[in-house]
Amino acid sequence: MKRLLLPLIALLCFYGSSVFVTFLPLDIISSDRVLVPHFLIIFILLMSVYYHNTTAVLYGFIFGFLYDSFYTEVLGVYLFIFPFVTFLTSRIMKVLNNNWIVTSIVILLNVSLLEFIVYEINFLIGKTDWDIAAFADLRLWPTLVLNAVFIIIFSYPLKQLLLKLEKERLED
C-alpha cells in the first residue's frame, strides 16, 4: 500500500486541479483573471526537495505527458517543463537553506518560470495575443496567489509524509 501512496497523491493532485477549477466560484475574482492551480507540480517539487530527486523527475516526465494529453493542444510542453523545473528546484535547494519559507519561495519561483515558459511558447505559436503586462496581471499574479495558498495549507503535511516515506525508502 505504501508503494501506491505517492502515485495516488499525484493522481489526486492531477485531478484535484481540474475539480478545483470546476467548483471555484468566479464571483470571488474578476472574470478577466485566470487562476491556474498547479497542485501537481507543487507536489512534484516538494517530492524533489523532501523525497528522492530521481523519482520526482520521473514523476515530472510521466505527469507532464499526462498533463499535455489531457489539458493542452501542444504535446511536449509540460513533458519537458515539469522535469526541468523539478531538477532546477532540487539543485537550488541543495544550495539554499531548506526551511519552509525558502522552499515555498523557490517553488513559487519555479511555478512562475513554468507559467512564463508556457506563455512564451503559446505566444510564439500564436495561441495568445496577450502582451507580457497583460499576462502578468491577468494570469501570473492570480495563479501565484492561488498556489501560495495551496502551499501554505498543504506543504507541511506533504513535507511530513514525504520525509516519512523517504526515511522508510532509505531503510529498505
Foldseek 3Di string as FASTA:
>chain_A
DLVCVVVVVLVCQVVVQVVCVVPPDCVVDDPLADAGAPSNLLLLLLCLAQAPLVVSLVSQQVVLQVCCVPPHPDGDLSNPLSSVLSVVSNVVPVVDPPDLVVSLVSSLVSVLVSLVSVVVVCVVVVVDDDDPVSCCVRYSVNHSVVNSVVCVPPVVVSNVVNNVVRVVVVVD
